[in-house]
Amino acid sequence: AGISTASVLADGSISGCPSIRANFHQGNIYKDKFIDIW
């Protein structure tokens, strides 16, 4: 998670893995650039 994988959830949240709890995310695809989050 966050090393070779990442996920974009249904609400646009960016996280290292879709299995991680919903409130632990690092950005949102609608507001942030994915490459900056990565």
PDB file of all heavy atoms in Angstrom:
ATOM      1  N   ALA A   1       0.834  -1.202   0.000  1.00  0.00           N
ATOM      2  CA  ALA A   1       0.000   0.000   0.000  1.00  0.00           C
ATOM      3  C   ALA A   1       0.870   1.254   0.000  1.00  0.00           C
ATOM      4  O   ALA A   1       1.736   1.423   0.867  1.00  0.00           O
ATOM      5  CB  ALA A   1      -0.915   0.004   1.216  1.00  0.00           C
ATOM      6  N   GLY A   2       0.671   2.123  -0.965  1.00  0.00           N
ATOM      7  CA  GLY A   2       1.418   3.364  -1.045  1.00  0.00           C
ATOM      8  C   GLY A   2       2.834   3.216  -1.543  1.00  0.00           C
ATOM      9  O   GLY A   2       3.553   4.205  -1.713  1.00  0.00           O
ATOM     10  N   ILE A   3       3.264   1.973  -1.790  1.00  0.00           N
ATOM     11  CA  ILE A   3       4.614   1.719  -2.294  1.00  0.00           C
ATOM     12  C   ILE A   3       4.565   1.412  -3.791  1.00  0.00           C
ATOM     13  O   ILE A   3       5.193   2.089  -4.606  1.00  0.00           O
ATOM     14  CB  ILE A   3       5.273   0.558  -1.533  1.00  0.00           C
ATOM     15  CG1 ILE A   3       5.393   0.910  -0.047  1.00  0.00           C
ATOM     16  CG2 ILE A   3       6.644   0.232  -2.122  1.00  0.00           C
ATOM     17  CD1 ILE A   3       5.892  -0.209   0.825  1.00  0.00           C
ATOM     18  N   SER A   4       3.795   0.402  -4.146  1.00  0.00           N
ATOM     19  CA  SER A   4       3.610   0.085  -5.572  1.00  0.00           C
ATOM     20  C   SER A   4       2.146   0.104  -5.972  1.00  0.00           C
ATOM     21  O   SER A   4       1.812  -0.142  -7.125  1.00  0.00           O
ATOM     22  CB  SER A   4       4.209  -1.290  -5.884  1.00  0.00           C
ATOM     23  OG  SER A   4       3.572  -2.302  -5.114  1.00  0.00           O
ATOM     24  N   THR A   5       1.258   0.371  -5.006  1.00  0.00           N
ATOM     25  CA  THR A   5      -0.168   0.444  -5.300  1.00  0.00           C
ATOM     26  C   THR A   5      -0.770   1.712  -4.712  1.00  0.00           C
ATOM     27  O   THR A   5      -0.232   2.293  -3.759  1.00  0.00           O
ATOM     28  CB  THR A   5      -0.937  -0.769  -4.733  1.00  0.00           C
ATOM     29  OG1 THR A   5      -0.871  -0.734  -3.294  1.00  0.00           O
ATOM     30  CG2 THR A   5      -0.367  -2.071  -5.241  1.00  0.00           C
ATOM     31  N   ALA A   6      -1.873   2.125  -5.303  1.00  0.00           N
ATOM     32  CA  ALA A   6      -2.647   3.252  -4.798  1.00  0.00           C
ATOM     33  C   ALA A   6      -4.081   3.039  -5.242  1.00  0.00           C
ATOM     34  O   ALA A   6      -4.355   2.214  -6.115  1.00  0.00           O
ATOM     35  CB  ALA A   6      -2.093   4.578  -5.309  1.00  0.00           C
ATOM     36  N   SER A   7      -4.997   3.776  -4.651  1.00  0.00           N
ATOM     37  CA  SER A   7      -6.402   3.598  -5.011  1.00  0.00           C
ATOM     38  C   SER A   7      -7.120   4.934  -5.008  1.00  0.00           C
ATOM     39  O   SER A   7      -6.752   5.854  -4.280  1.00  0.00           O
ATOM     40  CB  SER A   7      -7.081   2.639  -4.032  1.00  0.00           C
ATOM     41  OG  SER A   7      -7.086   3.187  -2.721  1.00  0.00           O
ATOM     42  N   VAL A   8      -8.135   5.012  -5.870  1.00  0.00           N
ATOM     43  CA  VAL A   8      -9.038   6.150  -5.887  1.00  0.00           C
ATOM     44  C   VAL A   8     -10.421   5.600  -5.563  1.00  0.00           C
ATOM     45  O   VAL A   8     -10.956   4.782  -6.301  1.00  0.00           O
ATOM     46  CB  VAL A   8      -9.043   6.859  -7.244  1.00  0.00           C
ATOM     47  CG1 VAL A   8     -10.043   8.017  -7.234  1.00  0.00           C
ATOM     48  CG2 VAL A   8      -7.642   7.366  -7.598  1.00  0.00           C
ATOM     49  N   LEU A   9     -10.994   6.029  -4.441  1.00  0.00           N
ATOM     50  CA  LEU A   9     -12.265   5.491  -3.974  1.00  0.00           C
ATOM     51  C   LEU A   9     -13.439   6.145  -4.691  1.00  0.00           C
ATOM     52  O   LEU A   9     -13.275   7.076  -5.482  1.00  0.00           O
ATOM     53  CB  LEU A   9     -12.379   5.679  -2.465  1.00  0.00           C
ATOM     54  CG  LEU A   9     -11.219   5.095  -1.631  1.00  0.00           C
ATOM     55  CD1 LEU A   9     -11.482   5.287  -0.147  1.00  0.00           C
ATOM     56  CD2 LEU A   9     -10.986   3.630  -1.952  1.00  0.00           C
ATOM     57  N   ALA A  10     -14.635   5.658  -4.423  1.00  0.00           N
ATOM     58  CA  ALA A  10     -15.827   6.127  -5.129  1.00  0.00           C
ATOM     59  C   ALA A  10     -16.067   7.623  -4.948  1.00  0.00           C
ATOM     60  O   ALA A  10     -16.566   8.291  -5.854  1.00  0.00           O
ATOM     61  CB  ALA A  10     -17.047   5.339  -4.663  1.00  0.00           C
ATOM     62  N   ASP A  11     -15.694   8.168  -3.792  1.00  0.00           N
ATOM     63  CA  ASP A  11     -15.904   9.596  -3.547  1.00  0.00           C
ATOM     64  C   ASP A  11     -14.720  10.452  -3.997  1.00  0.00           C
ATOM     65  O   ASP A  11     -14.680  11.652  -3.748  1.00  0.00           O
ATOM     66  CB  ASP A  11     -16.182   9.852  -2.075  1.00  0.00           C
ATOM     67  CG  ASP A  11     -15.008   9.460  -1.180  1.00  0.00           C
ATOM     68  OD1 ASP A  11     -14.032   8.885  -1.696  1.00  0.00           O
ATOM     69  OD2 ASP A  11     -15.089   9.712   0.043  1.00  0.00           O
ATOM     70  N   GLY A  12     -13.739   9.816  -4.651  1.00  0.00           N
ATOM     71  CA  GLY A  12     -12.571  10.540  -5.136  1.00  0.00           C
ATOM     72  C   GLY A  12     -11.387  10.516  -4.201  1.00  0.00           C
ATOM     73  O   GLY A  12     -10.303  11.006  -4.545  1.00  0.00           O
ATOM     74  N   SER A  13     -11.553   9.950  -2.996  1.00  0.00           N
ATOM     75  CA  SER A  13     -10.459   9.908  -2.032  1.00  0.00           C
ATOM     76  C   SER A  13      -9.293   9.082  -2.562  1.00  0.00           C
ATOM     77  O   SER A  13      -9.488   8.025  -3.153  1.00  0.00           O
ATOM     78  CB  SER A  13     -10.940   9.330  -0.704  1.00  0.00           C
ATOM     79  OG  SER A  13     -11.951  10.130  -0.148  1.00  0.00           O
ATOM     80  N   ILE A  14      -8.089   9.564  -2.317  1.00  0.00           N
ATOM     81  CA  ILE A  14      -6.871   8.875  -2.750  1.00  0.00           C
ATOM     82  C   ILE A  14      -6.235   8.220  -1.531  1.00  0.00           C
ATOM     83  O   ILE A  14      -6.002   8.870  -0.509  1.00  0.00           O
ATOM     84  CB  ILE A  14      -5.880   9.846  -3.403  1.00  0.00           C
ATOM     85  CG1 ILE A  14      -6.515  10.528  -4.612  1.00  0.00           C
ATOM     86  CG2 ILE A  14      -4.613   9.114  -3.823  1.00  0.00           C
ATOM     87  CD1 ILE A  14      -5.660  11.632  -5.209  1.00  0.00           C
ATOM     88  N   SER A  15      -5.959   6.924  -1.650  1.00  0.00           N
ATOM     89  CA  SER A  15      -5.368   6.180  -0.547  1.00  0.00           C
ATOM     90  C   SER A  15      -4.393   5.154  -1.100  1.00  0.00           C
ATOM     91  O   SER A  15      -4.317   4.940  -2.311  1.00  0.00           O
ATOM     92  CB  SER A  15      -6.463   5.489   0.267  1.00  0.00           C
ATOM     93  OG  SER A  15      -5.912   4.764   1.345  1.00  0.00           O
ATOM     94  N   GLY A  16      -3.642   4.552  -0.207  1.00  0.00           N
ATOM     95  CA  GLY A  16      -2.660   3.565  -0.642  1.00  0.00           C
ATOM     96  C   GLY A  16      -3.270   2.229  -1.008  1.00  0.00           C
ATOM     97  O   GLY A  16      -2.667   1.443  -1.730  1.00  0.00           O
ATOM     98  N   CYS A  17      -4.503   1.951  -0.531  1.00  0.00           N
ATOM     99  CA  CYS A  17      -5.147   0.664  -0.788  1.00  0.00           C
ATOM    100  C   CYS A  17      -6.637   0.795  -0.455  1.00  0.00           C
ATOM    101  O   CYS A  17      -6.992   1.427   0.545  1.00  0.00           O
ATOM    102  CB  CYS A  17      -4.502  -0.420   0.080  1.00  0.00           C
ATOM    103  SG  CYS A  17      -5.301  -2.035  -0.025  1.00  0.00           S
ATOM    104  N   PRO A  18      -7.519   0.218  -1.254  1.00  0.00           N
ATOM    105  CA  PRO A  18      -8.953   0.326  -0.965  1.00  0.00           C
ATOM    106  C   PRO A  18      -9.380  -0.417   0.292  1.00  0.00           C
ATOM    107  O   PRO A  18     -10.484  -0.189   0.795  1.00  0.00           O
ATOM    108  CB  PRO A  18      -9.612  -0.284  -2.218  1.00  0.00           C
ATOM    109  CG  PRO A  18      -8.567  -1.167  -2.815  1.00  0.00           C
ATOM    110  CD  PRO A  18      -7.266  -0.492  -2.516  1.00  0.00           C
ATOM    111  N   SER A  19      -8.519  -1.296   0.815  1.00  0.00           N
ATOM    112  CA  SER A  19      -8.870  -2.046   2.029  1.00  0.00           C
ATOM    113  C   SER A  19      -8.632  -1.236   3.306  1.00  0.00           C
ATOM    114  O   SER A  19      -9.105  -1.599   4.375  1.00  0.00           O
ATOM    115  CB  SER A  19      -8.063  -3.345   2.101  1.00  0.00           C
ATOM    116  OG  SER A  19      -8.395  -4.203   1.032  1.00  0.00           O
ATOM    117  N   ILE A  20      -7.889  -0.140   3.187  1.00  0.00           N
ATOM    118  CA  ILE A  20      -7.604   0.694   4.357  1.00  0.00           C
ATOM    119  C   ILE A  20      -8.856   1.470   4.738  1.00  0.00           C
ATOM    120  O   ILE A  20      -9.656   1.844   3.880  1.00  0.00           O
ATOM    121  CB  ILE A  20      -6.436   1.646   4.044  1.00  0.00           C
ATOM    122  CG1 ILE A  20      -5.163   0.822   3.770  1.00  0.00           C
ATOM    123  CG2 ILE A  20      -6.190   2.618   5.183  1.00  0.00           C
ATOM    124  CD1 ILE A  20      -3.992   1.650   3.304  1.00  0.00           C
ATOM    125  N   ARG A  21      -9.040   1.719   6.035  1.00  0.00           N
ATOM    126  CA  ARG A  21     -10.240   2.397   6.519  1.00  0.00           C
ATOM    127  C   ARG A  21     -10.487   3.698   5.741  1.00  0.00           C
ATOM    128  O   ARG A  21      -9.560   4.397   5.322  1.00  0.00           O
ATOM    129  CB  ARG A  21     -10.122   2.663   8.010  1.00  0.00           C
ATOM    130  CG  ARG A  21      -9.035   3.624   8.392  1.00  0.00           C
ATOM    131  CD  ARG A  21      -8.852   3.689   9.907  1.00  0.00           C
ATOM    132  NE  ARG A  21      -7.909   4.717  10.311  1.00  0.00           N
ATOM    133  CZ  ARG A  21      -6.588   4.578  10.265  1.00  0.00           C
ATOM    134  NH1 ARG A  21      -6.069   3.438   9.843  1.00  0.00           N
ATOM    135  NH2 ARG A  21      -5.793   5.573  10.640  1.00  0.00           N
ATOM    136  N   ALA A  22     -11.755   4.023   5.579  1.00  0.00           N
ATOM    137  CA  ALA A  22     -12.170   5.118   4.706  1.00  0.00           C
ATOM    138  C   ALA A  22     -11.664   6.484   5.164  1.00  0.00           C
ATOM    139  O   ALA A  22     -11.477   7.388   4.351  1.00  0.00           O
ATOM    140  CB  ALA A  22     -13.693   5.128   4.584  1.00  0.00           C
ATOM    141  N   ASN A  23     -11.467   6.667   6.485  1.00  0.00           N
ATOM    142  CA  ASN A  23     -11.071   7.996   6.972  1.00  0.00           C
ATOM    143  C   ASN A  23      -9.560   8.204   6.957  1.00  0.00           C
ATOM    144  O   ASN A  23      -9.063   9.207   7.452  1.00  0.00           O
ATOM    145  CB  ASN A  23     -11.616   8.223   8.385  1.00  0.00           C
ATOM    146  CG  ASN A  23     -11.039   7.238   9.393  1.00  0.00           C
ATOM    147  OD1 ASN A  23     -10.431   6.245   9.002  1.00  0.00           O
ATOM    148  ND2 ASN A  23     -11.242   7.512  10.668  1.00  0.00           N
ATOM    149  N   PHE A  24      -8.808   7.270   6.407  1.00  0.00           N
ATOM    150  CA  PHE A  24      -7.352   7.423   6.311  1.00  0.00           C
ATOM    151  C   PHE A  24      -6.997   7.564   4.828  1.00  0.00           C
ATOM    152  O   PHE A  24      -6.729   6.588   4.139  1.00  0.00           O
ATOM    153  CB  PHE A  24      -6.641   6.223   6.938  1.00  0.00           C
ATOM    154  CG  PHE A  24      -5.141   6.397   6.986  1.00  0.00           C
ATOM    155  CD1 PHE A  24      -4.571   7.285   7.886  1.00  0.00           C
ATOM    156  CD2 PHE A  24      -4.308   5.697   6.133  1.00  0.00           C
ATOM    157  CE1 PHE A  24      -3.192   7.457   7.937  1.00  0.00           C
ATOM    158  CE2 PHE A  24      -2.928   5.859   6.179  1.00  0.00           C
ATOM    159  CZ  PHE A  24      -2.373   6.746   7.083  1.00  0.00           C
ATOM    160  N   HIS A  25      -7.031   8.801   4.341  1.00  0.00           N
ATOM    161  CA  HIS A  25      -6.683   9.047   2.954  1.00  0.00           C
ATOM    162  C   HIS A  25      -5.826  10.307   2.867  1.00  0.00           C
ATOM    163  O   HIS A  25      -5.776  11.115   3.797  1.00  0.00           O
ATOM    164  CB  HIS A  25      -7.935   9.159   2.080  1.00  0.00           C
ATOM    165  CG  HIS A  25      -8.960  10.112   2.597  1.00  0.00           C
ATOM    166  ND1 HIS A  25      -8.856  11.478   2.494  1.00  0.00           N
ATOM    167  CD2 HIS A  25     -10.129   9.878   3.271  1.00  0.00           C
ATOM    168  CE1 HIS A  25      -9.908  12.064   3.038  1.00  0.00           C
ATOM    169  NE2 HIS A  25     -10.703  11.125   3.530  1.00  0.00           N
ATOM    170  N   GLN A  26      -5.171  10.479   1.750  1.00  0.00           N
ATOM    171  CA  GLN A  26      -4.172  11.536   1.622  1.00  0.00           C
ATOM    172  C   GLN A  26      -4.567  12.661   0.668  1.00  0.00           C
ATOM    173  O   GLN A  26      -3.792  13.577   0.427  1.00  0.00           O
ATOM    174  CB  GLN A  26      -2.842  10.925   1.154  1.00  0.00           C
ATOM    175  CG  GLN A  26      -2.123  10.124   2.224  1.00  0.00           C
ATOM    176  CD  GLN A  26      -2.851   8.839   2.565  1.00  0.00           C
ATOM    177  OE1 GLN A  26      -3.204   8.073   1.691  1.00  0.00           O
ATOM    178  NE2 GLN A  26      -3.079   8.614   3.856  1.00  0.00           N
ATOM    179  N   GLY A  27      -5.728  12.584   0.078  1.00  0.00           N
ATOM    180  CA  GLY A  27      -6.166  13.630  -0.832  1.00  0.00           C
ATOM    181  C   GLY A  27      -7.431  13.214  -1.543  1.00  0.00           C
ATOM    182  O   GLY A  27      -8.035  12.176  -1.232  1.00  0.00           O
ATOM    183  N   ASN A  28      -7.822  14.019  -2.527  1.00  0.00           N
ATOM    184  CA  ASN A  28      -9.021  13.711  -3.303  1.00  0.00           C
ATOM    185  C   ASN A  28      -8.763  14.066  -4.759  1.00  0.00           C
ATOM    186  O   ASN A  28      -8.253  15.140  -5.069  1.00  0.00           O
ATOM    187  CB  ASN A  28     -10.221  14.488  -2.771  1.00  0.00           C
ATOM    188  CG  ASN A  28     -11.531  13.979  -3.346  1.00  0.00           C
ATOM    189  OD1 ASN A  28     -11.843  14.188  -4.517  1.00  0.00           O
ATOM    190  ND2 ASN A  28     -12.311  13.302  -2.504  1.00  0.00           N
ATOM    191  N   ILE A  29      -9.122  13.165  -5.652  1.00  0.00           N
ATOM    192  CA  ILE A  29      -8.816  13.321  -7.064  1.00  0.00           C
ATOM    193  C   ILE A  29      -9.517  14.535  -7.671  1.00  0.00           C
ATOM    194  O   ILE A  29      -9.081  15.089  -8.682  1.00  0.00           O
ATOM    195  CB  ILE A  29      -9.203  12.034  -7.841  1.00  0.00           C
ATOM    196  CG1 ILE A  29      -8.489  11.979  -9.188  1.00  0.00           C
ATOM    197  CG2 ILE A  29     -10.706  11.925  -8.012  1.00  0.00           C
ATOM    198  CD1 ILE A  29      -7.015  11.786  -9.105  1.00  0.00           C
ATOM    199  N   TYR A  30     -10.607  14.977  -7.026  1.00  0.00           N
ATOM    200  CA  TYR A  30     -11.336  16.133  -7.538  1.00  0.00           C
ATOM    201  C   TYR A  30     -10.669  17.461  -7.156  1.00  0.00           C
ATOM    202  O   TYR A  30     -10.979  18.505  -7.738  1.00  0.00           O
ATOM    203  CB  TYR A  30     -12.780  16.122  -7.028  1.00  0.00           C
ATOM    204  CG  TYR A  30     -13.573  14.932  -7.518  1.00  0.00           C
ATOM    205  CD1 TYR A  30     -14.030  13.975  -6.624  1.00  0.00           C
ATOM    206  CD2 TYR A  30     -13.852  14.768  -8.870  1.00  0.00           C
ATOM    207  CE1 TYR A  30     -14.759  12.872  -7.067  1.00  0.00           C
ATOM    208  CE2 TYR A  30     -14.568  13.675  -9.324  1.00  0.00           C
ATOM    209  CZ  TYR A  30     -15.028  12.732  -8.417  1.00  0.00           C
ATOM    210  OH  TYR A  30     -15.742  11.648  -8.871  1.00  0.00           O
ATOM    211  N   LYS A  31      -9.770  17.418  -6.174  1.00  0.00           N
ATOM    212  CA  LYS A  31      -9.114  18.650  -5.725  1.00  0.00           C
ATOM    213  C   LYS A  31      -7.599  18.612  -5.893  1.00  0.00           C
ATOM    214  O   LYS A  31      -6.962  19.661  -6.046  1.00  0.00           O
ATOM    215  CB  LYS A  31      -9.444  18.893  -4.252  1.00  0.00           C
ATOM    216  CG  LYS A  31     -10.925  19.086  -3.957  1.00  0.00           C
ATOM    217  CD  LYS A  31     -11.155  19.430  -2.497  1.00  0.00           C
ATOM    218  CE  LYS A  31     -10.716  18.281  -1.586  1.00  0.00           C
ATOM    219  NZ  LYS A  31     -11.005  18.580  -0.154  1.00  0.00           N
ATOM    220  N   ASP A  32      -7.015  17.416  -5.854  1.00  0.00           N
ATOM    221  CA  ASP A  32      -5.557  17.291  -5.856  1.00  0.00           C
ATOM    222  C   ASP A  32      -5.068  16.545  -7.085  1.00  0.00           C
ATOM    223  O   ASP A  32      -5.793  15.738  -7.671  1.00  0.00           O
ATOM    224  CB  ASP A  32      -5.097  16.542  -4.592  1.00  0.00           C
ATOM    225  CG  ASP A  32      -5.669  17.152  -3.324  1.00  0.00           C
ATOM    226  OD1 ASP A  32      -5.431  18.335  -3.102  1.00  0.00           O
ATOM    227  OD2 ASP A  32      -6.366  16.414  -2.587  1.00  0.00           O
ATOM    228  N   LYS A  33      -3.834  16.805  -7.445  1.00  0.00           N
ATOM    229  CA  LYS A  33      -3.200  16.054  -8.523  1.00  0.00           C
ATOM    230  C   LYS A  33      -2.685  14.729  -7.965  1.00  0.00           C
ATOM    231  O   LYS A  33      -1.981  14.706  -6.951  1.00  0.00           O
ATOM    232  CB  LYS A  33      -2.050  16.848  -9.127  1.00  0.00           C
ATOM    233  CG  LYS A  33      -2.483  18.069  -9.917  1.00  0.00           C
ATOM    234  CD  LYS A  33      -1.282  18.742 -10.565  1.00  0.00           C
ATOM    235  CE  LYS A  33      -1.723  19.941 -11.404  1.00  0.00           C
ATOM    236  NZ  LYS A  33      -0.565  20.603 -12.044  1.00  0.00           N
ATOM    237  N   PHE A  34      -3.029  13.659  -8.654  1.00  0.00           N
ATOM    238  CA  PHE A  34      -2.647  12.340  -8.149  1.00  0.00           C
ATOM    239  C   PHE A  34      -1.136  12.220  -8.002  1.00  0.00           C
ATOM    240  O   PHE A  34      -0.636  11.677  -7.020  1.00  0.00           O
ATOM    241  CB  PHE A  34      -3.169  11.250  -9.098  1.00  0.00           C
ATOM    242  CG  PHE A  34      -2.812   9.859  -8.666  1.00  0.00           C
ATOM    243  CD1 PHE A  34      -3.577   9.182  -7.732  1.00  0.00           C
ATOM    244  CD2 PHE A  34      -1.676   9.233  -9.165  1.00  0.00           C
ATOM    245  CE1 PHE A  34      -3.239   7.903  -7.318  1.00  0.00           C
ATOM    246  CE2 PHE A  34      -1.324   7.958  -8.756  1.00  0.00           C
ATOM    247  CZ  PHE A  34      -2.107   7.287  -7.837  1.00  0.00           C
ATOM    248  N   ILE A  35      -0.383  12.726  -8.967  1.00  0.00           N
ATOM    249  CA  ILE A  35       1.072  12.573  -8.930  1.00  0.00           C
ATOM    250  C   ILE A  35       1.671  13.301  -7.726  1.00  0.00           C
ATOM    251  O   ILE A  35       2.665  12.851  -7.143  1.00  0.00           O
ATOM    252  CB  ILE A  35       1.714  13.065 -10.252  1.00  0.00           C
ATOM    253  CG1 ILE A  35       3.175  12.638 -10.334  1.00  0.00           C
ATOM    254  CG2 ILE A  35       1.545  14.564 -10.416  1.00  0.00           C
ATOM    255  CD1 ILE A  35       3.386  11.151 -10.385  1.00  0.00           C
ATOM    256  N   ASP A  36       1.041  14.440  -7.334  1.00  0.00           N
ATOM    257  CA  ASP A  36       1.530  15.155  -6.147  1.00  0.00           C
ATOM    258  C   ASP A  36       1.288  14.334  -4.885  1.00  0.00           C
ATOM    259  O   ASP A  36       2.153  14.284  -3.988  1.00  0.00           O
ATOM    260  CB  ASP A  36       0.833  16.513  -6.025  1.00  0.00           C
ATOM    261  CG  ASP A  36       1.257  17.488  -7.124  1.00  0.00           C
ATOM    262  OD1 ASP A  36       2.341  17.268  -7.707  1.00  0.00           O
ATOM    263  OD2 ASP A  36       0.493  18.427  -7.402  1.00  0.00           O
ATOM    264  N   ILE A  37       0.134  13.714  -4.804  1.00  0.00           N
ATOM    265  CA  ILE A  37      -0.164  12.850  -3.646  1.00  0.00           C
ATOM    266  C   ILE A  37       0.808  11.678  -3.618  1.00  0.00           C
ATOM    267  O   ILE A  37       1.363  11.334  -2.565  1.00  0.00           O
ATOM    268  CB  ILE A  37      -1.617  12.344  -3.703  1.00  0.00           C
ATOM    269  CG1 ILE A  37      -2.601  13.512  -3.695  1.00  0.00           C
ATOM    270  CG2 ILE A  37      -1.903  11.384  -2.554  1.00  0.00           C
ATOM    271  CD1 ILE A  37      -2.554  14.361  -2.459  1.00  0.00           C
ATOM    272  N   TRP A  38       1.022  11.059  -4.761  1.00  0.00           N
ATOM    273  CA  TRP A  38       1.917   9.898  -4.840  1.00  0.00           C
ATOM    274  C   TRP A  38       3.338  10.258  -4.408  1.00  0.00           C
ATOM    275  O   TRP A  38       3.976   9.512  -3.667  1.00  0.00           O
ATOM    276  CB  TRP A  38       1.905   9.355  -6.268  1.00  0.00           C
ATOM    277  CG  TRP A  38       2.851   8.220  -6.495  1.00  0.00           C
ATOM    278  CD1 TRP A  38       4.126   8.283  -6.990  1.00  0.00           C
ATOM    279  CD2 TRP A  38       2.633   6.837  -6.201  1.00  0.00           C
ATOM    280  NE1 TRP A  38       4.701   7.042  -7.031  1.00  0.00           N
ATOM    281  CE2 TRP A  38       3.809   6.130  -6.555  1.00  0.00           C
ATOM    282  CE3 TRP A  38       1.552   6.134  -5.682  1.00  0.00           C
ATOM    283  CZ2 TRP A  38       3.916   4.760  -6.406  1.00  0.00           C
ATOM    284  CZ3 TRP A  38       1.679   4.748  -5.536  1.00  0.00           C
ATOM    285  CH2 TRP A  38       2.840   4.080  -5.896  1.00  0.00           C
TER     286      TRP A  38
END
